[in-house]
């Protein structure tokens, strides 16, 4: 028996146009309507904006329209993140992170 899979695709980046040093990593999490983290991925941020894809078994996400994303960038240059959960949109969800440390 093959289960159905829900896939969420998108891009993640920061507003500032700066060169990020080595070791900079985007972390993206897929969050269900009840706040549970359903999937996550870490992506190298050394080249700036990055593509991501998260997959979850459809049984764990019975209502894909109520899924959200949370993301952060951890870097020697600082930290950026999503101040709130971002609703998933199709076909791609673009996440623009804001600086959270000053």
Protein backbone atom coordinates (compact mmCIF):
# COMPACT_ATOMS: atom_id res chain seq x y z
CA UNK A 1 0.00 0.00 0.00
CA UNK A 2 1.38 3.39 -1.02
CA UNK A 3 0.52 6.36 1.17
CA UNK A 4 -0.22 9.80 -0.16
CA UNK A 5 2.40 12.47 0.38
CA UNK A 6 1.90 16.21 0.85
CA UNK A 7 4.81 18.28 -0.47
CA UNK A 8 5.37 21.95 0.32
CA UNK A 9 7.84 23.83 -1.91
CA UNK A 10 9.22 27.31 -1.51
CA UNK A 11 12.11 29.70 -1.27
CA UNK A 12 13.64 31.33 1.78
CA UNK A 13 15.77 34.46 1.99
CA UNK A 14 16.44 37.67 3.89
CA UNK A 15 15.55 41.27 3.01
CA UNK A 16 19.11 42.53 3.27
CA UNK A 17 21.35 41.97 0.29
CA UNK A 18 24.51 40.95 2.10
CA UNK A 19 27.02 38.19 1.53
CA UNK A 20 26.43 35.60 4.21
CA UNK A 21 29.52 34.00 5.70
CA UNK A 22 30.20 30.27 5.61
CA UNK A 23 28.27 28.33 8.20
CA UNK A 24 25.01 30.24 7.60
CA UNK A 25 22.04 27.88 7.69
CA UNK A 26 18.32 28.28 6.97
CA UNK A 27 16.06 26.06 9.09
CA UNK A 28 12.50 25.60 7.83
CA UNK A 29 9.73 23.75 9.69
CA UNK A 30 6.31 22.66 8.47
CA UNK A 31 3.69 23.18 11.19
CA UNK A 32 0.26 21.56 11.38
CA UNK A 33 -2.95 23.39 12.34
CA UNK A 34 -2.51 22.20 15.94
CA UNK A 35 1.04 23.58 16.24
CA UNK A 36 2.84 20.24 15.84
CA UNK A 37 6.01 20.28 13.75
CA UNK A 38 5.40 17.81 10.91
CA UNK A 39 8.66 18.13 8.97
CA UNK A 40 11.84 20.16 8.89
CA UNK A 41 14.90 20.79 6.80
CA UNK A 42 18.20 22.68 7.11
CA UNK A 43 19.58 24.37 3.97
CA UNK A 44 22.96 26.00 3.35
CA UNK A 45 22.47 29.76 3.11
CA UNK A 46 25.90 30.58 1.74
CA UNK A 47 24.52 31.58 -1.66
CA UNK A 48 21.63 33.72 -0.40
CA UNK A 49 18.05 32.74 -1.22
CA UNK A 50 17.50 28.98 -1.20
CA UNK A 51 14.87 26.55 -2.44
CA UNK A 52 13.33 24.02 -0.07
CA UNK A 53 10.89 21.12 -0.16
CA UNK A 54 9.21 19.50 2.82
CA UNK A 55 7.17 16.31 2.65
CA UNK A 56 4.76 14.78 5.12
CA UNK A 57 2.44 11.79 5.01
CA UNK A 58 -1.06 12.97 4.08
CA UNK A 59 -2.43 11.16 7.14
CA UNK A 60 -0.45 13.58 9.32
CA UNK A 61 -1.75 16.62 7.40
CA UNK A 62 -5.42 15.89 6.67
CA UNK A 63 -6.08 19.55 5.79
CA UNK A 64 -3.10 20.82 3.75
CA UNK A 65 -4.72 24.27 3.43
CA UNK A 66 -4.14 24.80 7.17
CA UNK A 67 -0.40 24.11 7.12
CA UNK A 68 2.07 26.84 8.08
CA UNK A 69 5.80 27.41 7.88
CA UNK A 70 8.33 28.78 10.35
CA UNK A 71 11.90 29.61 9.41
CA UNK A 72 15.10 31.08 10.78
CA UNK A 73 18.57 31.88 9.53
CA UNK A 74 21.43 31.26 11.90
CA UNK A 75 24.63 32.96 10.80
CA UNK A 76 27.82 34.42 12.23
CA UNK A 77 26.42 37.69 10.80
CA UNK A 78 23.27 37.52 12.98
CA UNK A 79 19.89 35.86 13.20
CA UNK A 80 16.81 36.32 11.04
CA UNK A 81 13.39 34.67 11.25
CA UNK A 82 9.69 34.70 10.55
CA UNK A 83 8.01 36.77 13.29
CA UNK A 84 4.84 34.68 12.88
CA UNK A 85 3.84 31.43 11.22
CA UNK A 86 3.40 31.84 7.45
CA UNK A 87 0.47 30.15 5.69
CA UNK A 88 1.47 27.72 2.97
CA UNK A 89 0.52 28.91 -0.50
CA UNK A 90 0.61 27.04 -3.78
CA UNK A 91 2.54 26.36 -5.88
CA UNK A 92 5.39 28.00 -3.89
CA UNK A 93 5.64 29.72 -0.55
CA UNK A 94 8.20 32.52 -0.45
CA UNK A 95 9.60 33.20 3.01
CA UNK A 96 11.33 36.54 3.57
CA UNK A 97 13.00 36.60 6.97
CA UNK A 98 13.52 39.71 9.09
CA UNK A 99 16.43 40.40 11.41
CA UNK A 100 15.59 39.39 14.96
CA UNK A 101 18.81 40.33 16.78
CA UNK A 102 20.12 43.87 17.03
